[in-house]
Amino acid sequence: RPRSWTDITVLSLALTSILLVIWVVFSYRGSWPGYDEMVVSLP
């Protein structure tokens, strides 16, 4: 079946999200920023 624009959009967003997650993990040396780090950084 040909992929619909919805499938293509979702797959593109999924790939972008995966790459972003990998980048954050490497940036934090295998960790992830905590909840407190998020709220004190707002806005």
PDB file of all heavy atoms in Angstrom:
ATOM      1  N   ARG A   1       0.843  -1.187   0.000  1.00  0.00           N
ATOM      2  CA  ARG A   1       0.000   0.000   0.000  1.00  0.00           C
ATOM      3  C   ARG A   1       0.882   1.242   0.000  1.00  0.00           C
ATOM      4  O   ARG A   1       1.861   1.300   0.723  1.00  0.00           O
ATOM      5  CB  ARG A   1      -0.893   0.033   1.238  1.00  0.00           C
ATOM      6  CG  ARG A   1      -1.864  -1.113   1.345  1.00  0.00           C
ATOM      7  CD  ARG A   1      -2.804  -0.861   2.514  1.00  0.00           C
ATOM      8  NE  ARG A   1      -3.732  -1.956   2.699  1.00  0.00           N
ATOM      9  CZ  ARG A   1      -4.766  -1.916   3.533  1.00  0.00           C
ATOM     10  NH1 ARG A   1      -4.988  -0.830   4.247  1.00  0.00           N
ATOM     11  NH2 ARG A   1      -5.574  -2.945   3.652  1.00  0.00           N
ATOM     12  N   PRO A   2       0.534   2.223  -0.810  1.00  0.00           N
ATOM     13  CA  PRO A   2       1.308   3.475  -0.753  1.00  0.00           C
ATOM     14  C   PRO A   2       1.117   4.148   0.598  1.00  0.00           C
ATOM     15  O   PRO A   2       0.022   4.131   1.159  1.00  0.00           O
ATOM     16  CB  PRO A   2       0.703   4.308  -1.889  1.00  0.00           C
ATOM     17  CG  PRO A   2      -0.676   3.750  -2.084  1.00  0.00           C
ATOM     18  CD  PRO A   2      -0.571   2.284  -1.784  1.00  0.00           C
ATOM     19  N   ARG A   3       2.174   4.723   1.094  1.00  0.00           N
ATOM     20  CA  ARG A   3       2.088   5.397   2.388  1.00  0.00           C
ATOM     21  C   ARG A   3       1.338   6.717   2.241  1.00  0.00           C
ATOM     22  O   ARG A   3       1.581   7.482   1.326  1.00  0.00           O
ATOM     23  CB  ARG A   3       3.483   5.646   2.963  1.00  0.00           C
ATOM     24  CG  ARG A   3       4.244   4.378   3.296  1.00  0.00           C
ATOM     25  CD  ARG A   3       5.431   4.681   4.191  1.00  0.00           C
ATOM     26  NE  ARG A   3       6.215   3.495   4.461  1.00  0.00           N
ATOM     27  CZ  ARG A   3       5.926   2.599   5.387  1.00  0.00           C
ATOM     28  NH1 ARG A   3       4.838   2.757   6.110  1.00  0.00           N
ATOM     29  NH2 ARG A   3       6.680   1.552   5.585  1.00  0.00           N
ATOM     30  N   SER A   4       0.431   6.965   3.174  1.00  0.00           N
ATOM     31  CA  SER A   4      -0.321   8.211   3.161  1.00  0.00           C
ATOM     32  C   SER A   4       0.551   9.326   3.723  1.00  0.00           C
ATOM     33  O   SER A   4       1.599   9.098   4.322  1.00  0.00           O
ATOM     34  CB  SER A   4      -1.584   8.060   4.008  1.00  0.00           C
ATOM     35  OG  SER A   4      -1.254   7.899   5.387  1.00  0.00           O
ATOM     36  N   TRP A   5       0.073  10.575   3.545  1.00  0.00           N
ATOM     37  CA  TRP A   5       0.817  11.715   4.087  1.00  0.00           C
ATOM     38  C   TRP A   5       0.849  11.633   5.610  1.00  0.00           C
ATOM     39  O   TRP A   5       1.807  12.088   6.240  1.00  0.00           O
ATOM     40  CB  TRP A   5       0.194  13.017   3.627  1.00  0.00           C
ATOM     41  CG  TRP A   5      -1.182  13.283   4.178  1.00  0.00           C
ATOM     42  CD1 TRP A   5      -2.369  12.931   3.621  1.00  0.00           C
ATOM     43  CD2 TRP A   5      -1.489  13.929   5.417  1.00  0.00           C
ATOM     44  NE1 TRP A   5      -3.412  13.314   4.432  1.00  0.00           N
ATOM     45  CE2 TRP A   5      -2.898  13.940   5.533  1.00  0.00           C
ATOM     46  CE3 TRP A   5      -0.726  14.511   6.430  1.00  0.00           C
ATOM     47  CZ2 TRP A   5      -3.552  14.492   6.625  1.00  0.00           C
ATOM     48  CZ3 TRP A   5      -1.376  15.065   7.524  1.00  0.00           C
ATOM     49  CH2 TRP A   5      -2.768  15.056   7.615  1.00  0.00           C
ATOM     50  N   THR A   6      -0.189  11.039   6.199  1.00  0.00           N
ATOM     51  CA  THR A   6      -0.208  10.878   7.656  1.00  0.00           C
ATOM     52  C   THR A   6       0.912   9.953   8.097  1.00  0.00           C
ATOM     53  O   THR A   6       1.641  10.240   9.061  1.00  0.00           O
ATOM     54  CB  THR A   6      -1.563  10.325   8.121  1.00  0.00           C
ATOM     55  OG1 THR A   6      -2.607  11.178   7.656  1.00  0.00           O
ATOM     56  CG2 THR A   6      -1.612  10.232   9.639  1.00  0.00           C
ATOM     57  N   ASP A   7       1.050   8.806   7.405  1.00  0.00           N
ATOM     58  CA  ASP A   7       2.114   7.860   7.749  1.00  0.00           C
ATOM     59  C   ASP A   7       3.484   8.507   7.609  1.00  0.00           C
ATOM     60  O   ASP A   7       4.353   8.351   8.468  1.00  0.00           O
ATOM     61  CB  ASP A   7       2.039   6.620   6.854  1.00  0.00           C
ATOM     62  CG  ASP A   7       0.788   5.792   7.115  1.00  0.00           C
ATOM     63  OD1 ASP A   7       0.270   5.859   8.243  1.00  0.00           O
ATOM     64  OD2 ASP A   7       0.334   5.096   6.189  1.00  0.00           O
ATOM     65  N   ILE A   8       3.675   9.235   6.516  1.00  0.00           N
ATOM     66  CA  ILE A   8       4.971   9.870   6.271  1.00  0.00           C
ATOM     67  C   ILE A   8       5.267  10.919   7.347  1.00  0.00           C
ATOM     68  O   ILE A   8       6.384  11.003   7.865  1.00  0.00           O
ATOM     69  CB  ILE A   8       4.995  10.504   4.872  1.00  0.00           C
ATOM     70  CG1 ILE A   8       4.891   9.414   3.800  1.00  0.00           C
ATOM     71  CG2 ILE A   8       6.260  11.326   4.672  1.00  0.00           C
ATOM     72  CD1 ILE A   8       4.711   9.936   2.393  1.00  0.00           C
ATOM     73  N   THR A   9       4.244  11.707   7.703  1.00  0.00           N
ATOM     74  CA  THR A   9       4.426  12.734   8.734  1.00  0.00           C
ATOM     75  C   THR A   9       4.780  12.102  10.072  1.00  0.00           C
ATOM     76  O   THR A   9       5.710  12.549  10.774  1.00  0.00           O
ATOM     77  CB  THR A   9       3.147  13.578   8.876  1.00  0.00           C
ATOM     78  OG1 THR A   9       2.848  14.197   7.629  1.00  0.00           O
ATOM     79  CG2 THR A   9       3.330  14.646   9.944  1.00  0.00           C
ATOM     80  N   VAL A  10       4.038  11.051  10.450  1.00  0.00           N
ATOM     81  CA  VAL A  10       4.282  10.399  11.734  1.00  0.00           C
ATOM     82  C   VAL A  10       5.662   9.757  11.765  1.00  0.00           C
ATOM     83  O   VAL A  10       6.399   9.864  12.756  1.00  0.00           O
ATOM     84  CB  VAL A  10       3.188   9.349  12.021  1.00  0.00           C
ATOM     85  CG1 VAL A  10       3.563   8.489  13.227  1.00  0.00           C
ATOM     86  CG2 VAL A  10       1.848  10.038  12.266  1.00  0.00           C
ATOM     87  N   LEU A  11       6.040   9.100  10.678  1.00  0.00           N
ATOM     88  CA  LEU A  11       7.359   8.473  10.636  1.00  0.00           C
ATOM     89  C   LEU A  11       8.471   9.527  10.719  1.00  0.00           C
ATOM     90  O   LEU A  11       9.490   9.306  11.382  1.00  0.00           O
ATOM     91  CB  LEU A  11       7.500   7.647   9.360  1.00  0.00           C
ATOM     92  CG  LEU A  11       6.674   6.354   9.306  1.00  0.00           C
ATOM     93  CD1 LEU A  11       6.761   5.717   7.925  1.00  0.00           C
ATOM     94  CD2 LEU A  11       7.145   5.363  10.371  1.00  0.00           C
ATOM     95  N   SER A  12       8.264  10.653  10.065  1.00  0.00           N
ATOM     96  CA  SER A  12       9.256  11.728  10.124  1.00  0.00           C
ATOM     97  C   SER A  12       9.381  12.278  11.540  1.00  0.00           C
ATOM     98  O   SER A  12      10.491  12.502  12.047  1.00  0.00           O
ATOM     99  CB  SER A  12       8.875  12.850   9.154  1.00  0.00           C
ATOM    100  OG  SER A  12       8.803  12.374   7.833  1.00  0.00           O
ATOM    101  N   LEU A  13       8.237  12.496  12.198  1.00  0.00           N
ATOM    102  CA  LEU A  13       8.257  12.979  13.581  1.00  0.00           C
ATOM    103  C   LEU A  13       8.893  11.956  14.511  1.00  0.00           C
ATOM    104  O   LEU A  13       9.632  12.315  15.438  1.00  0.00           O
ATOM    105  CB  LEU A  13       6.837  13.302  14.040  1.00  0.00           C
ATOM    106  CG  LEU A  13       6.180  14.538  13.404  1.00  0.00           C
ATOM    107  CD1 LEU A  13       4.721  14.636  13.818  1.00  0.00           C
ATOM    108  CD2 LEU A  13       6.931  15.805  13.803  1.00  0.00           C
ATOM    109  N   ALA A  14       8.600  10.669  14.266  1.00  0.00           N
ATOM    110  CA  ALA A  14       9.178   9.618  15.111  1.00  0.00           C
ATOM    111  C   ALA A  14      10.693   9.582  14.968  1.00  0.00           C
ATOM    112  O   ALA A  14      11.431   9.480  15.965  1.00  0.00           O
ATOM    113  CB  ALA A  14       8.577   8.260  14.745  1.00  0.00           C
ATOM    114  N   LEU A  15      11.185   9.666  13.738  1.00  0.00           N
ATOM    115  CA  LEU A  15      12.634   9.664  13.506  1.00  0.00           C
ATOM    116  C   LEU A  15      13.279  10.886  14.148  1.00  0.00           C
ATOM    117  O   LEU A  15      14.333  10.781  14.791  1.00  0.00           O
ATOM    118  CB  LEU A  15      12.918   9.625  12.008  1.00  0.00           C
ATOM    119  CG  LEU A  15      14.397   9.630  11.596  1.00  0.00           C
ATOM    120  CD1 LEU A  15      15.111   8.409  12.180  1.00  0.00           C
ATOM    121  CD2 LEU A  15      14.530   9.661  10.075  1.00  0.00           C
ATOM    122  N   THR A  16      12.642  12.046  13.989  1.00  0.00           N
ATOM    123  CA  THR A  16      13.170  13.273  14.604  1.00  0.00           C
ATOM    124  C   THR A  16      13.219  13.141  16.123  1.00  0.00           C
ATOM    125  O   THR A  16      14.202  13.537  16.767  1.00  0.00           O
ATOM    126  CB  THR A  16      12.297  14.472  14.215  1.00  0.00           C
ATOM    127  OG1 THR A  16      12.260  14.587  12.779  1.00  0.00           O
ATOM    128  CG2 THR A  16      12.852  15.754  14.807  1.00  0.00           C
ATOM    129  N   SER A  17      12.161  12.574  16.703  1.00  0.00           N
ATOM    130  CA  SER A  17      12.112  12.408  18.153  1.00  0.00           C
ATOM    131  C   SER A  17      13.202  11.460  18.640  1.00  0.00           C
ATOM    132  O   SER A  17      13.861  11.716  19.659  1.00  0.00           O
ATOM    133  CB  SER A  17      10.737  11.866  18.570  1.00  0.00           C
ATOM    134  OG  SER A  17       9.704  12.758  18.208  1.00  0.00           O
ATOM    135  N   ILE A  18      13.409  10.368  17.913  1.00  0.00           N
ATOM    136  CA  ILE A  18      14.446   9.409  18.298  1.00  0.00           C
ATOM    137  C   ILE A  18      15.822  10.058  18.260  1.00  0.00           C
ATOM    138  O   ILE A  18      16.641   9.893  19.186  1.00  0.00           O
ATOM    139  CB  ILE A  18      14.393   8.167  17.388  1.00  0.00           C
ATOM    140  CG1 ILE A  18      13.106   7.362  17.652  1.00  0.00           C
ATOM    141  CG2 ILE A  18      15.617   7.286  17.598  1.00  0.00           C
ATOM    142  CD1 ILE A  18      12.864   6.260  16.645  1.00  0.00           C
ATOM    143  N   LEU A  19      16.090  10.800  17.197  1.00  0.00           N
ATOM    144  CA  LEU A  19      17.387  11.473  17.082  1.00  0.00           C
ATOM    145  C   LEU A  19      17.561  12.510  18.194  1.00  0.00           C
ATOM    146  O   LEU A  19      18.655  12.657  18.761  1.00  0.00           O
ATOM    147  CB  LEU A  19      17.510  12.137  15.712  1.00  0.00           C
ATOM    148  CG  LEU A  19      17.592  11.188  14.503  1.00  0.00           C
ATOM    149  CD1 LEU A  19      17.574  11.977  13.206  1.00  0.00           C
ATOM    150  CD2 LEU A  19      18.846  10.316  14.581  1.00  0.00           C
ATOM    151  N   LEU A  20      16.484  13.215  18.522  1.00  0.00           N
ATOM    152  CA  LEU A  20      16.548  14.209  19.589  1.00  0.00           C
ATOM    153  C   LEU A  20      16.799  13.557  20.940  1.00  0.00           C
ATOM    154  O   LEU A  20      17.600  14.061  21.746  1.00  0.00           O
ATOM    155  CB  LEU A  20      15.249  15.018  19.623  1.00  0.00           C
ATOM    156  CG  LEU A  20      15.192  16.200  20.599  1.00  0.00           C
ATOM    157  CD1 LEU A  20      16.286  17.213  20.270  1.00  0.00           C
ATOM    158  CD2 LEU A  20      13.824  16.867  20.559  1.00  0.00           C
ATOM    159  N   VAL A  21      16.148  12.438  21.182  1.00  0.00           N
ATOM    160  CA  VAL A  21      16.356  11.711  22.443  1.00  0.00           C
ATOM    161  C   VAL A  21      17.801  11.252  22.553  1.00  0.00           C
ATOM    162  O   VAL A  21      18.445  11.389  23.610  1.00  0.00           O
ATOM    163  CB  VAL A  21      15.395  10.511  22.532  1.00  0.00           C
ATOM    164  CG1 VAL A  21      15.796   9.577  23.678  1.00  0.00           C
ATOM    165  CG2 VAL A  21      13.960  10.996  22.730  1.00  0.00           C
ATOM    166  N   ILE A  22      18.324  10.692  21.460  1.00  0.00           N
ATOM    167  CA  ILE A  22      19.717  10.233  21.471  1.00  0.00           C
ATOM    168  C   ILE A  22      20.661  11.399  21.737  1.00  0.00           C
ATOM    169  O   ILE A  22      21.627  11.287  22.514  1.00  0.00           O
ATOM    170  CB  ILE A  22      20.058   9.540  20.131  1.00  0.00           C
ATOM    171  CG1 ILE A  22      19.248   8.239  19.996  1.00  0.00           C
ATOM    172  CG2 ILE A  22      21.554   9.252  20.037  1.00  0.00           C
ATOM    173  CD1 ILE A  22      19.382   7.589  18.623  1.00  0.00           C
ATOM    174  N   TRP A  23      20.385  12.544  21.127  1.00  0.00           N
ATOM    175  CA  TRP A  23      21.234  13.727  21.326  1.00  0.00           C
ATOM    176  C   TRP A  23      21.205  14.185  22.782  1.00  0.00           C
ATOM    177  O   TRP A  23      22.254  14.513  23.360  1.00  0.00           O
ATOM    178  CB  TRP A  23      20.769  14.843  20.405  1.00  0.00           C
ATOM    179  CG  TRP A  23      21.530  16.120  20.598  1.00  0.00           C
ATOM    180  CD1 TRP A  23      22.787  16.419  20.145  1.00  0.00           C
ATOM    181  CD2 TRP A  23      21.092  17.268  21.329  1.00  0.00           C
ATOM    182  NE1 TRP A  23      23.159  17.686  20.538  1.00  0.00           N
ATOM    183  CE2 TRP A  23      22.136  18.233  21.264  1.00  0.00           C
ATOM    184  CE3 TRP A  23      19.923  17.590  22.007  1.00  0.00           C
ATOM    185  CZ2 TRP A  23      22.034  19.467  21.873  1.00  0.00           C
ATOM    186  CZ3 TRP A  23      19.813  18.825  22.608  1.00  0.00           C
ATOM    187  CH2 TRP A  23      20.860  19.761  22.543  1.00  0.00           C
ATOM    188  N   VAL A  24      20.012  14.197  23.396  1.00  0.00           N
ATOM    189  CA  VAL A  24      19.908  14.619  24.798  1.00  0.00           C
ATOM    190  C   VAL A  24      20.656  13.644  25.705  1.00  0.00           C
ATOM    191  O   VAL A  24      21.394  14.067  26.619  1.00  0.00           O
ATOM    192  CB  VAL A  24      18.432  14.719  25.220  1.00  0.00           C
ATOM    193  CG1 VAL A  24      18.327  14.975  26.725  1.00  0.00           C
ATOM    194  CG2 VAL A  24      17.730  15.832  24.453  1.00  0.00           C
ATOM    195  N   VAL A  25      20.505  12.347  25.458  1.00  0.00           N
ATOM    196  CA  VAL A  25      21.181  11.345  26.289  1.00  0.00           C
ATOM    197  C   VAL A  25      22.692  11.510  26.206  1.00  0.00           C
ATOM    198  O   VAL A  25      23.402  11.464  27.226  1.00  0.00           O
ATOM    199  CB  VAL A  25      20.756   9.926  25.872  1.00  0.00           C
ATOM    200  CG1 VAL A  25      21.625   8.875  26.573  1.00  0.00           C
ATOM    201  CG2 VAL A  25      19.290   9.684  26.210  1.00  0.00           C
ATOM    202  N   PHE A  26      23.203  11.712  24.995  1.00  0.00           N
ATOM    203  CA  PHE A  26      24.648  11.908  24.845  1.00  0.00           C
ATOM    204  C   PHE A  26      25.094  13.226  25.471  1.00  0.00           C
ATOM    205  O   PHE A  26      26.170  13.307  26.078  1.00  0.00           O
ATOM    206  CB  PHE A  26      25.038  11.859  23.360  1.00  0.00           C
ATOM    207  CG  PHE A  26      25.297  10.478  22.848  1.00  0.00           C
ATOM    208  CD1 PHE A  26      24.348   9.796  22.106  1.00  0.00           C
ATOM    209  CD2 PHE A  26      26.491   9.828  23.128  1.00  0.00           C
ATOM    210  CE1 PHE A  26      24.575   8.516  21.642  1.00  0.00           C
ATOM    211  CE2 PHE A  26      26.741   8.546  22.674  1.00  0.00           C
ATOM    212  CZ  PHE A  26      25.772   7.879  21.926  1.00  0.00           C
ATOM    213  N   SER A  27      24.262  14.256  25.340  1.00  0.00           N
ATOM    214  CA  SER A  27      24.615  15.555  25.922  1.00  0.00           C
ATOM    215  C   SER A  27      24.716  15.483  27.435  1.00  0.00           C
ATOM    216  O   SER A  27      25.534  16.164  28.053  1.00  0.00           O
ATOM    217  CB  SER A  27      23.584  16.615  25.511  1.00  0.00           C
ATOM    218  OG  SER A  27      23.561  16.785  24.115  1.00  0.00           O
ATOM    219  N   TYR A  28      23.867  14.647  28.042  1.00  0.00           N
ATOM    220  CA  TYR A  28      23.873  14.498  29.502  1.00  0.00           C
ATOM    221  C   TYR A  28      24.646  13.262  29.949  1.00  0.00           C
ATOM    222  O   TYR A  28      24.449  12.761  31.046  1.00  0.00           O
ATOM    223  CB  TYR A  28      22.434  14.451  30.034  1.00  0.00           C
ATOM    224  CG  TYR A  28      21.798  15.814  30.139  1.00  0.00           C
ATOM    225  CD1 TYR A  28      21.263  16.437  29.020  1.00  0.00           C
ATOM    226  CD2 TYR A  28      21.746  16.488  31.351  1.00  0.00           C
ATOM    227  CE1 TYR A  28      20.686  17.701  29.096  1.00  0.00           C
ATOM    228  CE2 TYR A  28      21.172  17.750  31.453  1.00  0.00           C
ATOM    229  CZ  TYR A  28      20.641  18.346  30.317  1.00  0.00           C
ATOM    230  OH  TYR A  28      20.078  19.592  30.411  1.00  0.00           O
ATOM    231  N   ARG A  29      25.498  12.759  29.060  1.00  0.00           N
ATOM    232  CA  ARG A  29      26.396  11.647  29.372  1.00  0.00           C
ATOM    233  C   ARG A  29      25.636  10.429  29.892  1.00  0.00           C
ATOM    234  O   ARG A  29      25.910   9.901  30.967  1.00  0.00           O
ATOM    235  CB  ARG A  29      27.457  12.088  30.386  1.00  0.00           C
ATOM    236  CG  ARG A  29      28.343  13.221  29.862  1.00  0.00           C
ATOM    237  CD  ARG A  29      29.405  13.610  30.868  1.00  0.00           C
ATOM    238  NE  ARG A  29      30.228  14.710  30.361  1.00  0.00           N
ATOM    239  CZ  ARG A  29      31.237  15.256  31.040  1.00  0.00           C
ATOM    240  NH1 ARG A  29      31.542  14.810  32.255  1.00  0.00           N
ATOM    241  NH2 ARG A  29      31.930  16.239  30.510  1.00  0.00           N
ATOM    242  N   GLY A  30      24.648   9.999  29.112  1.00  0.00           N
ATOM    243  CA  GLY A  30      23.894   8.800  29.445  1.00  0.00           C
ATOM    244  C   GLY A  30      22.775   9.010  30.426  1.00  0.00           C
ATOM    245  O   GLY A  30      22.146   8.040  30.868  1.00  0.00           O
ATOM    246  N   SER A  31      22.469  10.250  30.745  1.00  0.00           N
ATOM    247  CA  SER A  31      21.395  10.547  31.694  1.00  0.00           C
ATOM    248  C   SER A  31      20.321  11.383  30.997  1.00  0.00           C
ATOM    249  O   SER A  31      20.281  11.482  29.773  1.00  0.00           O
ATOM    250  CB  SER A  31      21.955  11.276  32.910  1.00  0.00           C
ATOM    251  OG  SER A  31      20.950  11.502  33.874  1.00  0.00           O
ATOM    252  N   TRP A  32      19.434  11.965  31.813  1.00  0.00           N
ATOM    253  CA  TRP A  32      18.370  12.821  31.291  1.00  0.00           C
ATOM    254  C   TRP A  32      18.135  13.941  32.298  1.00  0.00           C
ATOM    255  O   TRP A  32      18.200  13.716  33.495  1.00  0.00           O
ATOM    256  CB  TRP A  32      17.084  12.012  31.107  1.00  0.00           C
ATOM    257  CG  TRP A  32      16.060  12.701  30.250  1.00  0.00           C
ATOM    258  CD1 TRP A  32      15.071  13.528  30.665  1.00  0.00           C
ATOM    259  CD2 TRP A  32      15.938  12.622  28.828  1.00  0.00           C
ATOM    260  NE1 TRP A  32      14.336  13.978  29.596  1.00  0.00           N
ATOM    261  CE2 TRP A  32      14.851  13.434  28.447  1.00  0.00           C
ATOM    262  CE3 TRP A  32      16.662  11.942  27.827  1.00  0.00           C
ATOM    263  CZ2 TRP A  32      14.455  13.587  27.122  1.00  0.00           C
ATOM    264  CZ3 TRP A  32      16.270  12.090  26.516  1.00  0.00           C
ATOM    265  CH2 TRP A  32      15.172  12.897  26.163  1.00  0.00           C
ATOM    266  N   PRO A  33      17.856  15.152  31.829  1.00  0.00           N
ATOM    267  CA  PRO A  33      17.623  16.247  32.782  1.00  0.00           C
ATOM    268  C   PRO A  33      16.433  15.962  33.686  1.00  0.00           C
ATOM    269  O   PRO A  33      15.422  15.413  33.251  1.00  0.00           O
ATOM    270  CB  PRO A  33      17.374  17.453  31.873  1.00  0.00           C
ATOM    271  CG  PRO A  33      17.034  16.887  30.530  1.00  0.00           C
ATOM    272  CD  PRO A  33      17.765  15.595  30.429  1.00  0.00           C
ATOM    273  N   GLY A  34      16.559  16.348  34.960  1.00  0.00           N
ATOM    274  CA  GLY A  34      15.523  16.067  35.942  1.00  0.00           C
ATOM    275  C   GLY A  34      14.348  17.013  35.850  1.00  0.00           C
ATOM    276  O   GLY A  34      14.363  18.009  35.129  1.00  0.00           O
ATOM    277  N   TYR A  35      13.318  16.697  36.629  1.00  0.00           N
ATOM    278  CA  TYR A  35      12.109  17.528  36.657  1.00  0.00           C
ATOM    279  C   TYR A  35      12.420  18.924  37.186  1.00  0.00           C
ATOM    280  O   TYR A  35      11.963  19.925  36.630  1.00  0.00           O
ATOM    281  CB  TYR A  35      11.044  16.858  37.526  1.00  0.00           C
ATOM    282  CG  TYR A  35       9.771  17.656  37.663  1.00  0.00           C
ATOM    283  CD1 TYR A  35       8.811  17.641  36.660  1.00  0.00           C
ATOM    284  CD2 TYR A  35       9.519  18.432  38.796  1.00  0.00           C
ATOM    285  CE1 TYR A  35       7.637  18.372  36.772  1.00  0.00           C
ATOM    286  CE2 TYR A  35       8.360  19.172  38.921  1.00  0.00           C
ATOM    287  CZ  TYR A  35       7.419  19.137  37.911  1.00  0.00           C
ATOM    288  OH  TYR A  35       6.268  19.868  38.028  1.00  0.00           O
ATOM    289  N   ASP A  36      13.205  18.988  38.245  1.00  0.00           N
ATOM    290  CA  ASP A  36      13.535  20.301  38.822  1.00  0.00           C
ATOM    291  C   ASP A  36      14.312  21.168  37.840  1.00  0.00           C
ATOM    292  O   ASP A  36      14.133  22.398  37.806  1.00  0.00           O
ATOM    293  CB  ASP A  36      14.334  20.121  40.113  1.00  0.00           C
ATOM    294  CG  ASP A  36      13.482  19.566  41.239  1.00  0.00           C
ATOM    295  OD1 ASP A  36      12.243  19.676  41.141  1.00  0.00           O
ATOM    296  OD2 ASP A  36      14.055  19.024  42.205  1.00  0.00           O
ATOM    297  N   GLU A  37      15.178  20.540  37.048  1.00  0.00           N
ATOM    298  CA  GLU A  37      15.913  21.300  36.039  1.00  0.00           C
ATOM    299  C   GLU A  37      14.966  21.925  35.025  1.00  0.00           C
ATOM    300  O   GLU A  37      15.218  23.034  34.526  1.00  0.00           O
ATOM    301  CB  GLU A  37      16.908  20.387  35.319  1.00  0.00           C
ATOM    302  CG  GLU A  37      18.058  19.893  36.180  1.00  0.00           C
ATOM    303  CD  GLU A  37      18.982  18.978  35.403  1.00  0.00           C
ATOM    304  OE1 GLU A  37      19.596  19.444  34.430  1.00  0.00           O
ATOM    305  OE2 GLU A  37      19.079  17.794  35.764  1.00  0.00           O
ATOM    306  N   MET A  38      13.879  21.207  34.721  1.00  0.00           N
ATOM    307  CA  MET A  38      12.913  21.743  33.765  1.00  0.00           C
ATOM    308  C   MET A  38      12.190  22.959  34.336  1.00  0.00           C
ATOM    309  O   MET A  38      12.129  24.013  33.690  1.00  0.00           O
ATOM    310  CB  MET A  38      11.890  20.670  33.389  1.00  0.00           C
ATOM    311  CG  MET A  38      10.746  21.175  32.527  1.00  0.00           C
ATOM    312  SD  MET A  38       9.526  19.912  32.139  1.00  0.00           S
ATOM    313  CE  MET A  38       8.817  19.606  33.762  1.00  0.00           C
ATOM    314  N   VAL A  39      11.646  22.834  35.548  1.00  0.00           N
ATOM    315  CA  VAL A  39      10.803  23.918  36.070  1.00  0.00           C
ATOM    316  C   VAL A  39      11.606  25.170  36.402  1.00  0.00           C
ATOM    317  O   VAL A  39      11.110  26.287  36.229  1.00  0.00           O
ATOM    318  CB  VAL A  39      10.001  23.435  37.301  1.00  0.00           C
ATOM    319  CG1 VAL A  39       8.991  22.378  36.895  1.00  0.00           C
ATOM    320  CG2 VAL A  39      10.907  22.927  38.404  1.00  0.00           C
ATOM    321  N   VAL A  40      12.847  24.996  36.860  1.00  0.00           N
ATOM    322  CA  VAL A  40      13.643  26.194  37.161  1.00  0.00           C
ATOM    323  C   VAL A  40      14.116  26.884  35.891  1.00  0.00           C
ATOM    324  O   VAL A  40      14.501  28.056  35.924  1.00  0.00           O
ATOM    325  CB  VAL A  40      14.858  25.856  38.059  1.00  0.00           C
ATOM    326  CG1 VAL A  40      14.405  25.283  39.389  1.00  0.00           C
ATOM    327  CG2 VAL A  40      15.821  24.910  37.363  1.00  0.00           C
ATOM    328  N   SER A  41      14.079  26.159  34.749  1.00  0.00           N
ATOM    329  CA  SER A  41      14.511  26.747  33.485  1.00  0.00           C
ATOM    330  C   SER A  41      13.391  27.493  32.762  1.00  0.00           C
ATOM    331  O   SER A  41      13.640  28.186  31.771  1.00  0.00           O
ATOM    332  CB  SER A  41      15.070  25.669  32.562  1.00  0.00           C
ATOM    333  OG  SER A  41      16.195  25.038  33.142  1.00  0.00           O
ATOM    334  N   LEU A  42      12.148  27.313  33.211  1.00  0.00           N
ATOM    335  CA  LEU A  42      11.041  28.026  32.578  1.00  0.00           C
ATOM    336  C   LEU A  42      11.242  29.528  32.706  1.00  0.00           C
ATOM    337  O   LEU A  42      11.729  29.993  33.741  1.00  0.00           O
ATOM    338  CB  LEU A  42       9.715  27.609  33.233  1.00  0.00           C
ATOM    339  CG  LEU A  42       9.266  26.159  32.999  1.00  0.00           C
ATOM    340  CD1 LEU A  42       8.094  25.815  33.895  1.00  0.00           C
ATOM    341  CD2 LEU A  42       8.896  25.936  31.543  1.00  0.00           C
ATOM    342  N   PRO A  43      10.933  30.318  31.692  1.00  0.00           N
ATOM    343  CA  PRO A  43      10.265  29.973  30.429  1.00  0.00           C
ATOM    344  C   PRO A  43      11.193  29.729  29.242  1.00  0.00           C
ATOM    345  O   PRO A  43      10.852  30.105  28.116  1.00  0.00           O
ATOM    346  CB  PRO A  43       9.404  31.212  30.190  1.00  0.00           C
ATOM    347  CG  PRO A  43      10.262  32.338  30.697  1.00  0.00           C
ATOM    348  CD  PRO A  43      11.022  31.773  31.879  1.00  0.00           C
TER     349      PRO A  43
END
